Amino acid sequence: MNVFLWILQALLAVAFALAGLMKASQPKEKLARSMPWTDDFSAGTVKFVGAVEILGALGLILPAATGIVTWLTPLASTGLAVTMVLAGITHARRNEPGAIAFNAVLLILAAVIGWGRFGPYAF
């Protein structure tokens, strides 16, 4: 199970790091073409969401890999799960069921990591 959790952590970290880098590095107007939800938020908020996703991705890997403050890994997965709940609410308000489904998958993966790393497979 530990190997399974590491694989999930790596996959989720890559997904959130790529999404976060895109949001943090590109102008809101360019993002609006592929992410229409950005029209509902300020440029600063979109960049903040990107920064949160990057920090969450780092938190999934670095503490566990270095053995330093390992409790940050399950905390990062919990924070990313909360982020996906908020994203799901945004997409529900905009009536975007495909995006809600994608957020739900990421939420479940983050919740499994949180459960495993807080519980029976903690570091």
PDB file of N, CA and C in Angstrom:
ATOM      1  N   MET A   1       0.824  -1.198   0.000  1.00  0.00           N
ATOM      2  CA  MET A   1       0.000   0.000   0.000  1.00  0.00           C
ATOM      3  C   MET A   1       0.869   1.264   0.000  1.00  0.00           C
ATOM      4  N   ASN A   2       2.019   1.182   0.658  1.00  0.00           N
ATOM      5  CA  ASN A   2       2.915   2.334   0.693  1.00  0.00           C
ATOM      6  C   ASN A   2       3.366   2.716  -0.718  1.00  0.00           C
ATOM      7  N   VAL A   3       3.693   1.716  -1.537  1.00  0.00           N
ATOM      8  CA  VAL A   3       4.112   1.984  -2.923  1.00  0.00           C
ATOM      9  C   VAL A   3       2.951   2.595  -3.706  1.00  0.00           C
ATOM     10  N   PHE A   4       1.748   2.072  -3.501  1.00  0.00           N
ATOM     11  CA  PHE A   4       0.563   2.612  -4.162  1.00  0.00           C
ATOM     12  C   PHE A   4       0.359   4.083  -3.803  1.00  0.00           C
ATOM     13  N   LEU A   5       0.510   4.421  -2.525  1.00  0.00           N
ATOM     14  CA  LEU A   5       0.360   5.808  -2.094  1.00  0.00           C
ATOM     15  C   LEU A   5       1.438   6.697  -2.707  1.00  0.00           C
ATOM     16  N   TRP A   6       2.666   6.198  -2.799  1.00  0.00           N
ATOM     17  CA  TRP A   6       3.730   6.978  -3.430  1.00  0.00           C
ATOM     18  C   TRP A   6       3.418   7.250  -4.902  1.00  0.00           C
ATOM     19  N   ILE A   7       2.877   6.241  -5.583  1.00  0.00           N
ATOM     20  CA  ILE A   7       2.513   6.427  -6.996  1.00  0.00           C
ATOM     21  C   ILE A   7       1.411   7.477  -7.113  1.00  0.00           C
ATOM     22  N   LEU A   8       0.391   7.379  -6.247  1.00  0.00           N
ATOM     23  CA  LEU A   8      -0.679   8.385  -6.259  1.00  0.00           C
ATOM     24  C   LEU A   8      -0.131   9.772  -5.961  1.00  0.00           C
ATOM     25  N   GLN A   9       0.762   9.866  -4.980  1.00  0.00           N
ATOM     26  CA  GLN A   9       1.356  11.154  -4.643  1.00  0.00           C
ATOM     27  C   GLN A   9       2.094  11.740  -5.841  1.00  0.00           C
ATOM     28  N   ALA A  10       2.861  10.915  -6.535  1.00  0.00           N
ATOM     29  CA  ALA A  10       3.622  11.397  -7.690  1.00  0.00           C
ATOM     30  C   ALA A  10       2.687  11.848  -8.801  1.00  0.00           C
ATOM     31  N   LEU A  11       1.667  11.061  -9.108  1.00  0.00           N
ATOM     32  CA  LEU A  11       0.726  11.425 -10.169  1.00  0.00           C
ATOM     33  C   LEU A  11      -0.024  12.713  -9.835  1.00  0.00           C
ATOM     34  N   LEU A  12      -0.489  12.805  -8.592  1.00  0.00           N
ATOM     35  CA  LEU A  12      -1.225  13.996  -8.185  1.00  0.00           C
ATOM     36  C   LEU A  12      -0.308  15.213  -8.154  1.00  0.00           C
ATOM     37  N   ALA A  13       0.924  15.023  -7.719  1.00  0.00           N
ATOM     38  CA  ALA A  13       1.878  16.137  -7.685  1.00  0.00           C
ATOM     39  C   ALA A  13       2.156  16.658  -9.095  1.00  0.00           C
ATOM     40  N   VAL A  14       2.335  15.765 -10.045  1.00  0.00           N
ATOM     41  CA  VAL A  14       2.579  16.187 -11.421  1.00  0.00           C
ATOM     42  C   VAL A  14       1.362  16.936 -11.970  1.00  0.00           C
ATOM     43  N   ALA A  15       0.177  16.398 -11.737  1.00  0.00           N
ATOM     44  CA  ALA A  15      -1.044  17.038 -12.245  1.00  0.00           C
ATOM     45  C   ALA A  15      -1.211  18.443 -11.667  1.00  0.00           C
ATOM     46  N   PHE A  16      -1.048  18.573 -10.350  1.00  0.00           N
ATOM     47  CA  PHE A  16      -1.236  19.885  -9.731  1.00  0.00           C
ATOM     48  C   PHE A  16      -0.094  20.837 -10.057  1.00  0.00           C
ATOM     49  N   ALA A  17       1.113  20.329 -10.182  1.00  0.00           N
ATOM     50  CA  ALA A  17       2.237  21.203 -10.528  1.00  0.00           C
ATOM     51  C   ALA A  17       2.059  21.779 -11.926  1.00  0.00           C
ATOM     52  N   LEU A  18       1.666  20.950 -12.873  1.00  0.00           N
ATOM     53  CA  LEU A  18       1.463  21.441 -14.245  1.00  0.00           C
ATOM     54  C   LEU A  18       0.304  22.444 -14.309  1.00  0.00           C
ATOM     55  N   ALA A  19      -0.795  22.109 -13.652  1.00  0.00           N
ATOM     56  CA  ALA A  19      -1.944  23.022 -13.658  1.00  0.00           C
ATOM     57  C   ALA A  19      -1.602  24.327 -12.947  1.00  0.00           C
ATOM     58  N   GLY A  20      -0.899  24.217 -11.835  1.00  0.00           N
ATOM     59  CA  GLY A  20      -0.527  25.409 -11.083  1.00  0.00           C
ATOM     60  C   GLY A  20       0.448  26.292 -11.837  1.00  0.00           C
ATOM     61  N   LEU A  21       1.432  25.684 -12.494  1.00  0.00           N
ATOM     62  CA  LEU A  21       2.383  26.468 -13.284  1.00  0.00           C
ATOM     63  C   LEU A  21       1.688  27.203 -14.419  1.00  0.00           C
ATOM     64  N   MET A  22       0.717  26.543 -15.037  1.00  0.00           N
ATOM     65  CA  MET A  22      -0.005  27.191 -16.123  1.00  0.00           C
ATOM     66  C   MET A  22      -0.774  28.408 -15.590  1.00  0.00           C
ATOM     67  N   LYS A  23      -1.462  28.237 -14.466  1.00  0.00           N
ATOM     68  CA  LYS A  23      -2.251  29.349 -13.914  1.00  0.00           C
ATOM     69  C   LYS A  23      -1.375  30.472 -13.391  1.00  0.00           C
ATOM     70  N   ALA A  24      -0.237  30.125 -12.829  1.00  0.00           N
ATOM     71  CA  ALA A  24       0.628  31.135 -12.228  1.00  0.00           C
ATOM     72  C   ALA A  24       1.475  31.882 -13.253  1.00  0.00           C
ATOM     73  N   SER A  25       1.708  31.274 -14.413  1.00  0.00           N
ATOM     74  CA  SER A  25       2.645  31.878 -15.355  1.00  0.00           C
ATOM     75  C   SER A  25       1.999  32.531 -16.576  1.00  0.00           C
ATOM     76  N   GLN A  26       0.741  32.217 -16.859  1.00  0.00           N
ATOM     77  CA  GLN A  26       0.114  32.764 -18.056  1.00  0.00           C
ATOM     78  C   GLN A  26      -0.887  33.860 -17.695  1.00  0.00           C
ATOM     79  N   PRO A  27      -1.059  34.823 -18.568  1.00  0.00           N
ATOM     80  CA  PRO A  27      -2.050  35.861 -18.299  1.00  0.00           C
ATOM     81  C   PRO A  27      -3.469  35.283 -18.290  1.00  0.00           C
ATOM     82  N   LYS A  28      -4.300  35.897 -17.500  1.00  0.00           N
ATOM     83  CA  LYS A  28      -5.677  35.436 -17.354  1.00  0.00           C
ATOM     84  C   LYS A  28      -6.404  35.374 -18.698  1.00  0.00           C
ATOM     85  N   GLU A  29      -6.155  36.328 -19.551  1.00  0.00           N
ATOM     86  CA  GLU A  29      -6.832  36.376 -20.847  1.00  0.00           C
ATOM     87  C   GLU A  29      -6.501  35.145 -21.695  1.00  0.00           C
ATOM     88  N   LYS A  30      -5.264  34.698 -21.643  1.00  0.00           N
ATOM     89  CA  LYS A  30      -4.869  33.503 -22.388  1.00  0.00           C
ATOM     90  C   LYS A  30      -5.485  32.253 -21.765  1.00  0.00           C
ATOM     91  N   LEU A  31      -5.540  32.214 -20.432  1.00  0.00           N
ATOM     92  CA  LEU A  31      -6.127  31.064 -19.744  1.00  0.00           C
ATOM     93  C   LEU A  31      -7.616  30.948 -20.014  1.00  0.00           C
ATOM     94  N   ALA A  32      -8.281  32.082 -20.220  1.00  0.00           N
ATOM     95  CA  ALA A  32      -9.732  32.082 -20.399  1.00  0.00           C
ATOM     96  C   ALA A  32     -10.164  31.260 -21.615  1.00  0.00           C
ATOM     97  N   ARG A  33      -9.292  31.092 -22.589  1.00  0.00           N
ATOM     98  CA  ARG A  33      -9.633  30.301 -23.773  1.00  0.00           C
ATOM     99  C   ARG A  33      -9.834  28.831 -23.422  1.00  0.00           C
ATOM    100  N   SER A  34      -8.981  28.307 -22.559  1.00  0.00           N
ATOM    101  CA  SER A  34      -9.090  26.893 -22.195  1.00  0.00           C
ATOM    102  C   SER A  34      -9.732  26.682 -20.823  1.00  0.00           C
ATOM    103  N   MET A  35      -9.778  27.720 -20.009  1.00  0.00           N
ATOM    104  CA  MET A  35     -10.370  27.640 -18.676  1.00  0.00           C
ATOM    105  C   MET A  35     -11.360  28.795 -18.507  1.00  0.00           C
ATOM    106  N   PRO A  36     -12.582  28.627 -19.006  1.00  0.00           N
ATOM    107  CA  PRO A  36     -13.524  29.742 -18.975  1.00  0.00           C
ATOM    108  C   PRO A  36     -13.892  30.217 -17.572  1.00  0.00           C
ATOM    109  N   TRP A  37     -13.695  29.387 -16.573  1.00  0.00           N
ATOM    110  CA  TRP A  37     -14.014  29.792 -15.202  1.00  0.00           C
ATOM    111  C   TRP A  37     -13.171  30.974 -14.739  1.00  0.00           C
ATOM    112  N   THR A  38     -12.038  31.202 -15.390  1.00  0.00           N
ATOM    113  CA  THR A  38     -11.170  32.307 -14.962  1.00  0.00           C
ATOM    114  C   THR A  38     -11.839  33.662 -15.171  1.00  0.00           C
ATOM    115  N   ASP A  39     -12.856  33.723 -16.033  1.00  0.00           N
ATOM    116  CA  ASP A  39     -13.582  34.984 -16.231  1.00  0.00           C
ATOM    117  C   ASP A  39     -14.294  35.438 -14.959  1.00  0.00           C
ATOM    118  N   ASP A  40     -14.590  34.487 -14.072  1.00  0.00           N
ATOM    119  CA  ASP A  40     -15.309  34.806 -12.832  1.00  0.00           C
ATOM    120  C   ASP A  40     -14.401  35.351 -11.736  1.00  0.00           C
ATOM    121  N   PHE A  41     -13.093  35.328 -11.943  1.00  0.00           N
ATOM    122  CA  PHE A  41     -12.154  35.691 -10.889  1.00  0.00           C
ATOM    123  C   PHE A  41     -11.146  36.723 -11.395  1.00  0.00           C
ATOM    124  N   SER A  42     -10.545  37.437 -10.453  1.00  0.00           N
ATOM    125  CA  SER A  42      -9.511  38.404 -10.817  1.00  0.00           C
ATOM    126  C   SER A  42      -8.232  37.668 -11.212  1.00  0.00           C
ATOM    127  N   ALA A  43      -7.355  38.373 -11.880  1.00  0.00           N
ATOM    128  CA  ALA A  43      -6.067  37.784 -12.282  1.00  0.00           C
ATOM    129  C   ALA A  43      -5.270  37.349 -11.050  1.00  0.00           C
ATOM    130  N   GLY A  44      -5.337  38.146 -10.003  1.00  0.00           N
ATOM    131  CA  GLY A  44      -4.624  37.799  -8.773  1.00  0.00           C
ATOM    132  C   GLY A  44      -5.144  36.521  -8.143  1.00  0.00           C
ATOM    133  N   THR A  45      -6.455  36.322  -8.180  1.00  0.00           N
ATOM    134  CA  THR A  45      -7.038  35.103  -7.623  1.00  0.00           C
ATOM    135  C   THR A  45      -6.618  33.887  -8.433  1.00  0.00           C
ATOM    136  N   VAL A  46      -6.603  34.015  -9.743  1.00  0.00           N
ATOM    137  CA  VAL A  46      -6.184  32.895 -10.597  1.00  0.00           C
ATOM    138  C   VAL A  46      -4.724  32.550 -10.312  1.00  0.00           C
ATOM    139  N   LYS A  47      -3.881  33.553 -10.162  1.00  0.00           N
ATOM    140  CA  LYS A  47      -2.466  33.306  -9.842  1.00  0.00           C
ATOM    141  C   LYS A  47      -2.332  32.677  -8.448  1.00  0.00           C
ATOM    142  N   PHE A  48      -3.174  33.118  -7.509  1.00  0.00           N
ATOM    143  CA  PHE A  48      -3.164  32.547  -6.163  1.00  0.00           C
ATOM    144  C   PHE A  48      -3.532  31.062  -6.199  1.00  0.00           C
ATOM    145  N   VAL A  49      -4.553  30.718  -6.973  1.00  0.00           N
ATOM    146  CA  VAL A  49      -4.942  29.310  -7.115  1.00  0.00           C
ATOM    147  C   VAL A  49      -3.773  28.510  -7.691  1.00  0.00           C
ATOM    148  N   GLY A  50      -3.088  29.068  -8.677  1.00  0.00           N
ATOM    149  CA  GLY A  50      -1.918  28.403  -9.241  1.00  0.00           C
ATOM    150  C   GLY A  50      -0.828  28.192  -8.210  1.00  0.00           C
ATOM    151  N   ALA A  51      -0.577  29.198  -7.386  1.00  0.00           N
ATOM    152  CA  ALA A  51       0.444  29.081  -6.344  1.00  0.00           C
ATOM    153  C   ALA A  51       0.060  28.016  -5.319  1.00  0.00           C
ATOM    154  N   VAL A  52      -1.214  27.970  -4.961  1.00  0.00           N
ATOM    155  CA  VAL A  52      -1.690  26.959  -4.011  1.00  0.00           C
ATOM    156  C   VAL A  52      -1.472  25.561  -4.588  1.00  0.00           C
ATOM    157  N   GLU A  53      -1.774  25.394  -5.867  1.00  0.00           N
ATOM    158  CA  GLU A  53      -1.591  24.091  -6.491  1.00  0.00           C
ATOM    159  C   GLU A  53      -0.114  23.699  -6.561  1.00  0.00           C
ATOM    160  N   ILE A  54       0.752  24.635  -6.849  1.00  0.00           N
ATOM    161  CA  ILE A  54       2.193  24.341  -6.877  1.00  0.00           C
ATOM    162  C   ILE A  54       2.684  23.960  -5.489  1.00  0.00           C
ATOM    163  N   LEU A  55       2.300  24.729  -4.487  1.00  0.00           N
ATOM    164  CA  LEU A  55       2.718  24.414  -3.117  1.00  0.00           C
ATOM    165  C   LEU A  55       2.163  23.067  -2.663  1.00  0.00           C
ATOM    166  N   GLY A  56       0.927  22.767  -3.039  1.00  0.00           N
ATOM    167  CA  GLY A  56       0.350  21.469  -2.711  1.00  0.00           C
ATOM    168  C   GLY A  56       1.122  20.333  -3.360  1.00  0.00           C
ATOM    169  N   ALA A  57       1.506  20.522  -4.616  1.00  0.00           N
ATOM    170  CA  ALA A  57       2.287  19.494  -5.320  1.00  0.00           C
ATOM    171  C   ALA A  57       3.627  19.265  -4.627  1.00  0.00           C
ATOM    172  N   LEU A  58       4.285  20.351  -4.256  1.00  0.00           N
ATOM    173  CA  LEU A  58       5.560  20.215  -3.541  1.00  0.00           C
ATOM    174  C   LEU A  58       5.353  19.531  -2.192  1.00  0.00           C
ATOM    175  N   GLY A  59       4.256  19.872  -1.525  1.00  0.00           N
ATOM    176  CA  GLY A  59       3.966  19.287  -0.222  1.00  0.00           C
ATOM    177  C   GLY A  59       3.653  17.804  -0.275  1.00  0.00           C
ATOM    178  N   LEU A  60       3.182  17.335  -1.414  1.00  0.00           N
ATOM    179  CA  LEU A  60       2.920  15.900  -1.550  1.00  0.00           C
ATOM    180  C   LEU A  60       4.200  15.081  -1.609  1.00  0.00           C
ATOM    181  N   ILE A  61       5.276  15.673  -2.104  1.00  0.00           N
ATOM    182  CA  ILE A  61       6.502  14.909  -2.351  1.00  0.00           C
ATOM    183  C   ILE A  61       7.637  15.255  -1.391  1.00  0.00           C
ATOM    184  N   LEU A  62       7.972  16.529  -1.287  1.00  0.00           N
ATOM    185  CA  LEU A  62       9.198  16.919  -0.577  1.00  0.00           C
ATOM    186  C   LEU A  62       9.270  16.493   0.884  1.00  0.00           C
ATOM    187  N   PRO A  63       8.261  16.742   1.697  1.00  0.00           N
ATOM    188  CA  PRO A  63       8.393  16.334   3.105  1.00  0.00           C
ATOM    189  C   PRO A  63       8.594  14.830   3.265  1.00  0.00           C
ATOM    190  N   ALA A  64       7.822  14.063   2.507  1.00  0.00           N
ATOM    191  CA  ALA A  64       7.945  12.608   2.610  1.00  0.00           C
ATOM    192  C   ALA A  64       9.282  12.119   2.073  1.00  0.00           C
ATOM    193  N   ALA A  65       9.744  12.706   0.988  1.00  0.00           N
ATOM    194  CA  ALA A  65      11.005  12.266   0.379  1.00  0.00           C
ATOM    195  C   ALA A  65      12.217  12.623   1.234  1.00  0.00           C
ATOM    196  N   THR A  66      12.151  13.766   1.920  1.00  0.00           N
ATOM    197  CA  THR A  66      13.296  14.197   2.725  1.00  0.00           C
ATOM    198  C   THR A  66      13.230  13.703   4.167  1.00  0.00           C
ATOM    199  N   GLY A  67      12.037  13.298   4.596  1.00  0.00           N
ATOM    200  CA  GLY A  67      11.877  12.865   5.983  1.00  0.00           C
ATOM    201  C   GLY A  67      11.801  14.030   6.957  1.00  0.00           C
ATOM    202  N   ILE A  68      11.665  15.233   6.448  1.00  0.00           N
ATOM    203  CA  ILE A  68      11.584  16.432   7.281  1.00  0.00           C
ATOM    204  C   ILE A  68      10.129  16.881   7.332  1.00  0.00           C
ATOM    205  N   VAL A  69       9.620  17.086   8.518  1.00  0.00           N
ATOM    206  CA  VAL A  69       8.215  17.445   8.782  1.00  0.00           C
ATOM    207  C   VAL A  69       7.257  16.671   7.868  1.00  0.00           C
ATOM    208  N   THR A  70       7.291  15.368   7.999  1.00  0.00           N
ATOM    209  CA  THR A  70       6.508  14.484   7.132  1.00  0.00           C
ATOM    210  C   THR A  70       5.005  14.666   7.299  1.00  0.00           C
ATOM    211  N   TRP A  71       4.574  15.268   8.381  1.00  0.00           N
ATOM    212  CA  TRP A  71       3.142  15.508   8.575  1.00  0.00           C
ATOM    213  C   TRP A  71       2.600  16.511   7.556  1.00  0.00           C
ATOM    214  N   LEU A  72       3.480  17.222   6.849  1.00  0.00           N
ATOM    215  CA  LEU A  72       3.016  18.154   5.825  1.00  0.00           C
ATOM    216  C   LEU A  72       2.456  17.443   4.589  1.00  0.00           C
ATOM    217  N   THR A  73       2.879  16.209   4.349  1.00  0.00           N
ATOM    218  CA  THR A  73       2.391  15.481   3.174  1.00  0.00           C
ATOM    219  C   THR A  73       0.888  15.204   3.268  1.00  0.00           C
ATOM    220  N   PRO A  74       0.389  14.609   4.355  1.00  0.00           N
ATOM    221  CA  PRO A  74      -1.067  14.432   4.414  1.00  0.00           C
ATOM    222  C   PRO A  74      -1.812  15.757   4.528  1.00  0.00           C
ATOM    223  N   LEU A  75      -1.172  16.745   5.120  1.00  0.00           N
ATOM    224  CA  LEU A  75      -1.801  18.062   5.194  1.00  0.00           C
ATOM    225  C   LEU A  75      -1.934  18.681   3.800  1.00  0.00           C
ATOM    226  N   ALA A  76      -0.919  18.500   2.964  1.00  0.00           N
ATOM    227  CA  ALA A  76      -0.975  18.991   1.585  1.00  0.00           C
ATOM    228  C   ALA A  76      -2.088  18.294   0.810  1.00  0.00           C
ATOM    229  N   SER A  77      -2.221  16.991   0.990  1.00  0.00           N
ATOM    230  CA  SER A  77      -3.284  16.279   0.270  1.00  0.00           C
ATOM    231  C   SER A  77      -4.660  16.729   0.747  1.00  0.00           C
ATOM    232  N   THR A  78      -4.786  17.014   2.026  1.00  0.00           N
ATOM    233  CA  THR A  78      -6.057  17.523   2.546  1.00  0.00           C
ATOM    234  C   THR A  78      -6.353  18.904   1.973  1.00  0.00           C
ATOM    235  N   GLY A  79      -5.344  19.756   1.901  1.00  0.00           N
ATOM    236  CA  GLY A  79      -5.525  21.082   1.319  1.00  0.00           C
ATOM    237  C   GLY A  79      -5.914  21.019  -0.147  1.00  0.00           C
ATOM    238  N   LEU A  80      -5.314  20.090  -0.883  1.00  0.00           N
ATOM    239  CA  LEU A  80      -5.676  19.930  -2.291  1.00  0.00           C
ATOM    240  C   LEU A  80      -7.093  19.384  -2.439  1.00  0.00           C
ATOM    241  N   ALA A  81      -7.500  18.517  -1.504  1.00  0.00           N
ATOM    242  CA  ALA A  81      -8.881  18.021  -1.530  1.00  0.00           C
ATOM    243  C   ALA A  81      -9.863  19.171  -1.310  1.00  0.00           C
ATOM    244  N   VAL A  82      -9.554  20.049  -0.367  1.00  0.00           N
ATOM    245  CA  VAL A  82     -10.405  21.217  -0.123  1.00  0.00           C
ATOM    246  C   VAL A  82     -10.434  22.111  -1.370  1.00  0.00           C
ATOM    247  N   THR A  83      -9.290  22.276  -2.012  1.00  0.00           N
ATOM    248  CA  THR A  83      -9.225  23.062  -3.241  1.00  0.00           C
ATOM    249  C   THR A  83     -10.144  22.465  -4.305  1.00  0.00           C
ATOM    250  N   MET A  84     -10.183  21.143  -4.406  1.00  0.00           N
ATOM    251  CA  MET A  84     -11.042  20.495  -5.396  1.00  0.00           C
ATOM    252  C   MET A  84     -12.524  20.637  -5.042  1.00  0.00           C
ATOM    253  N   VAL A  85     -12.852  20.660  -3.763  1.00  0.00           N
ATOM    254  CA  VAL A  85     -14.239  20.917  -3.365  1.00  0.00           C
ATOM    255  C   VAL A  85     -14.647  22.317  -3.819  1.00  0.00           C
ATOM    256  N   LEU A  86     -13.781  23.289  -3.567  1.00  0.00           N
ATOM    257  CA  LEU A  86     -14.073  24.670  -3.974  1.00  0.00           C
ATOM    258  C   LEU A  86     -14.150  24.794  -5.497  1.00  0.00           C
ATOM    259  N   ALA A  87     -13.264  24.080  -6.198  1.00  0.00           N
ATOM    260  CA  ALA A  87     -13.311  24.098  -7.668  1.00  0.00           C
ATOM    261  C   ALA A  87     -14.615  23.469  -8.159  1.00  0.00           C
ATOM    262  N   GLY A  88     -15.022  22.386  -7.512  1.00  0.00           N
ATOM    263  CA  GLY A  88     -16.282  21.741  -7.882  1.00  0.00           C
ATOM    264  C   GLY A  88     -17.472  22.667  -7.700  1.00  0.00           C
ATOM    265  N   ILE A  89     -17.467  23.447  -6.624  1.00  0.00           N
ATOM    266  CA  ILE A  89     -18.539  24.418  -6.392  1.00  0.00           C
ATOM    267  C   ILE A  89     -18.556  25.459  -7.509  1.00  0.00           C
ATOM    268  N   THR A  90     -17.381  25.940  -7.874  1.00  0.00           N
ATOM    269  CA  THR A  90     -17.295  26.918  -8.961  1.00  0.00           C
ATOM    270  C   THR A  90     -17.842  26.342 -10.257  1.00  0.00           C
ATOM    271  N   HIS A  91     -17.459  25.115 -10.587  1.00  0.00           N
ATOM    272  CA  HIS A  91     -17.923  24.496 -11.829  1.00  0.00           C
ATOM    273  C   HIS A  91     -19.416  24.157 -11.769  1.00  0.00           C
ATOM    274  N   ALA A  92     -19.913  23.820 -10.594  1.00  0.00           N
ATOM    275  CA  ALA A  92     -21.350  23.566 -10.453  1.00  0.00           C
ATOM    276  C   ALA A  92     -22.134  24.850 -10.698  1.00  0.00           C
ATOM    277  N   ARG A  93     -21.628  25.948 -10.163  1.00  0.00           N
ATOM    278  CA  ARG A  93     -22.283  27.241 -10.370  1.00  0.00           C
ATOM    279  C   ARG A  93     -22.302  27.612 -11.855  1.00  0.00           C
ATOM    280  N   ARG A  94     -21.276  27.196 -12.582  1.00  0.00           N
ATOM    281  CA  ARG A  94     -21.173  27.509 -14.006  1.00  0.00           C
ATOM    282  C   ARG A  94     -21.793  26.415 -14.891  1.00  0.00           C
ATOM    283  N   ASN A  95     -22.351  25.363 -14.243  1.00  0.00           N
ATOM    284  CA  ASN A  95     -22.981  24.252 -14.961  1.00  0.00           C
ATOM    285  C   ASN A  95     -21.995  23.584 -15.922  1.00  0.00           C
ATOM    286  N   GLU A  96     -20.869  23.124 -15.363  1.00  0.00           N
ATOM    287  CA  GLU A  96     -19.823  22.447 -16.137  1.00  0.00           C
ATOM    288  C   GLU A  96     -19.607  21.039 -15.572  1.00  0.00           C
ATOM    289  N   PRO A  97     -20.476  20.085 -15.944  1.00  0.00           N
ATOM    290  CA  PRO A  97     -20.406  18.750 -15.343  1.00  0.00           C
ATOM    291  C   PRO A  97     -19.102  17.999 -15.634  1.00  0.00           C
ATOM    292  N   GLY A  98     -18.509  18.192 -16.792  1.00  0.00           N
ATOM    293  CA  GLY A  98     -17.247  17.518 -17.101  1.00  0.00           C
ATOM    294  C   GLY A  98     -16.132  17.946 -16.165  1.00  0.00           C
ATOM    295  N   ALA A  99     -16.090  19.230 -15.877  1.00  0.00           N
ATOM    296  CA  ALA A  99     -15.072  19.745 -14.962  1.00  0.00           C
ATOM    297  C   ALA A  99     -15.325  19.253 -13.534  1.00  0.00           C
ATOM    298  N   ILE A 100     -16.603  19.141 -13.163  1.00  0.00           N
ATOM    299  CA  ILE A 100     -16.937  18.635 -11.824  1.00  0.00           C
ATOM    300  C   ILE A 100     -16.447  17.200 -11.688  1.00  0.00           C
ATOM    301  N   ALA A 101     -16.643  16.386 -12.714  1.00  0.00           N
ATOM    302  CA  ALA A 101     -16.196  14.992 -12.673  1.00  0.00           C
ATOM    303  C   ALA A 101     -14.676  14.913 -12.516  1.00  0.00           C
ATOM    304  N   PHE A 102     -13.967  15.755 -13.247  1.00  0.00           N
ATOM    305  CA  PHE A 102     -12.503  15.775 -13.143  1.00  0.00           C
ATOM    306  C   PHE A 102     -12.074  16.192 -11.737  1.00  0.00           C
ATOM    307  N   ASN A 103     -12.726  17.218 -11.187  1.00  0.00           N
ATOM    308  CA  ASN A 103     -12.425  17.647  -9.814  1.00  0.00           C
ATOM    309  C   ASN A 103     -12.717  16.537  -8.817  1.00  0.00           C
ATOM    310  N   ALA A 104     -13.784  15.783  -9.055  1.00  0.00           N
ATOM    311  CA  ALA A 104     -14.145  14.685  -8.151  1.00  0.00           C
ATOM    312  C   ALA A 104     -13.069  13.600  -8.143  1.00  0.00           C
ATOM    313  N   VAL A 105     -12.530  13.294  -9.314  1.00  0.00           N
ATOM    314  CA  VAL A 105     -11.455  12.286  -9.383  1.00  0.00           C
ATOM    315  C   VAL A 105     -10.233  12.764  -8.601  1.00  0.00           C
ATOM    316  N   LEU A 106      -9.830  14.012  -8.812  1.00  0.00           N
ATOM    317  CA  LEU A 106      -8.678  14.551  -8.080  1.00  0.00           C
ATOM    318  C   LEU A 106      -8.959  14.612  -6.583  1.00  0.00           C
ATOM    319  N   LEU A 107     -10.189  14.937  -6.216  1.00  0.00           N
ATOM    320  CA  LEU A 107     -10.586  14.971  -4.808  1.00  0.00           C
ATOM    321  C   LEU A 107     -10.454  13.587  -4.180  1.00  0.00           C
ATOM    322  N   ILE A 108     -10.922  12.569  -4.860  1.00  0.00           N
ATOM    323  CA  ILE A 108     -10.840  11.205  -4.327  1.00  0.00           C
ATOM    324  C   ILE A 108      -9.389  10.773  -4.165  1.00  0.00           C
ATOM    325  N   LEU A 109      -8.550  11.057  -5.162  1.00  0.00           N
ATOM    326  CA  LEU A 109      -7.134  10.702  -5.059  1.00  0.00           C
ATOM    327  C   LEU A 109      -6.467  11.411  -3.889  1.00  0.00           C
ATOM    328  N   ALA A 110      -6.752  12.692  -3.728  1.00  0.00           N
ATOM    329  CA  ALA A 110      -6.175  13.451  -2.615  1.00  0.00           C
ATOM    330  C   ALA A 110      -6.679  12.909  -1.277  1.00  0.00           C
ATOM    331  N   ALA A 111      -7.956  12.539  -1.218  1.00  0.00           N
ATOM    332  CA  ALA A 111      -8.525  12.004   0.025  1.00  0.00           C
ATOM    333  C   ALA A 111      -7.900  10.649   0.385  1.00  0.00           C
ATOM    334  N   VAL A 112      -7.653   9.819  -0.616  1.00  0.00           N
ATOM    335  CA  VAL A 112      -7.008   8.519  -0.359  1.00  0.00           C
ATOM    336  C   VAL A 112      -5.601   8.739   0.196  1.00  0.00           C
ATOM    337  N   ILE A 113      -4.869   9.663  -0.379  1.00  0.00           N
ATOM    338  CA  ILE A 113      -3.526   9.962   0.128  1.00  0.00           C
ATOM    339  C   ILE A 113      -3.611  10.490   1.552  1.00  0.00           C
ATOM    340  N   GLY A 114      -4.527  11.409   1.805  1.00  0.00           N
ATOM    341  CA  GLY A 114      -4.687  11.947   3.152  1.00  0.00           C
ATOM    342  C   GLY A 114      -5.030  10.866   4.152  1.00  0.00           C
ATOM    343  N   TRP A 115      -5.970   9.994   3.793  1.00  0.00           N
ATOM    344  CA  TRP A 115      -6.346   8.901   4.675  1.00  0.00           C
ATOM    345  C   TRP A 115      -5.147   7.988   4.953  1.00  0.00           C
ATOM    346  N   GLY A 116      -4.437   7.615   3.902  1.00  0.00           N
ATOM    347  CA  GLY A 116      -3.306   6.703   4.082  1.00  0.00           C
ATOM    348  C   GLY A 116      -2.156   7.312   4.871  1.00  0.00           C
ATOM    349  N   ARG A 117      -1.854   8.558   4.604  1.00  0.00           N
ATOM    350  CA  ARG A 117      -0.690   9.185   5.256  1.00  0.00           C
ATOM    351  C   ARG A 117      -1.000   9.722   6.648  1.00  0.00           C
ATOM    352  N   PHE A 118      -2.255  10.052   6.922  1.00  0.00           N
ATOM    353  CA  PHE A 118      -2.628  10.412   8.289  1.00  0.00           C
ATOM    354  C   PHE A 118      -2.821   9.156   9.132  1.00  0.00           C
ATOM    355  N   GLY A 119      -3.255   8.077   8.498  1.00  0.00           N
ATOM    356  CA  GLY A 119      -3.658   6.873   9.211  1.00  0.00           C
ATOM    357  C   GLY A 119      -2.648   5.755   9.174  1.00  0.00           C
ATOM    358  N   PRO A 120      -3.036   4.632   8.581  1.00  0.00           N
ATOM    359  CA  PRO A 120      -2.250   3.401   8.714  1.00  0.00           C
ATOM    360  C   PRO A 120      -0.897   3.401   8.003  1.00  0.00           C
ATOM    361  N   TYR A 121      -0.690   4.289   7.082  1.00  0.00           N
ATOM    362  CA  TYR A 121       0.566   4.295   6.315  1.00  0.00           C
ATOM    363  C   TYR A 121       1.330   5.599   6.478  1.00  0.00           C
ATOM    364  N   ALA A 122       1.253   6.151   7.671  1.00  0.00           N
ATOM    365  CA  ALA A 122       1.967   7.393   7.973  1.00  0.00           C
ATOM    366  C   ALA A 122       3.485   7.139   7.956  1.00  0.00           C
ATOM    367  N   PHE A 123       4.232   8.203   7.783  1.00  0.00           N
ATOM    368  CA  PHE A 123       5.692   8.074   7.734  1.00  0.00           C
ATOM    369  C   PHE A 123       6.266   8.000   9.129  1.00  0.00           C
TER     370      PHE A 123
END
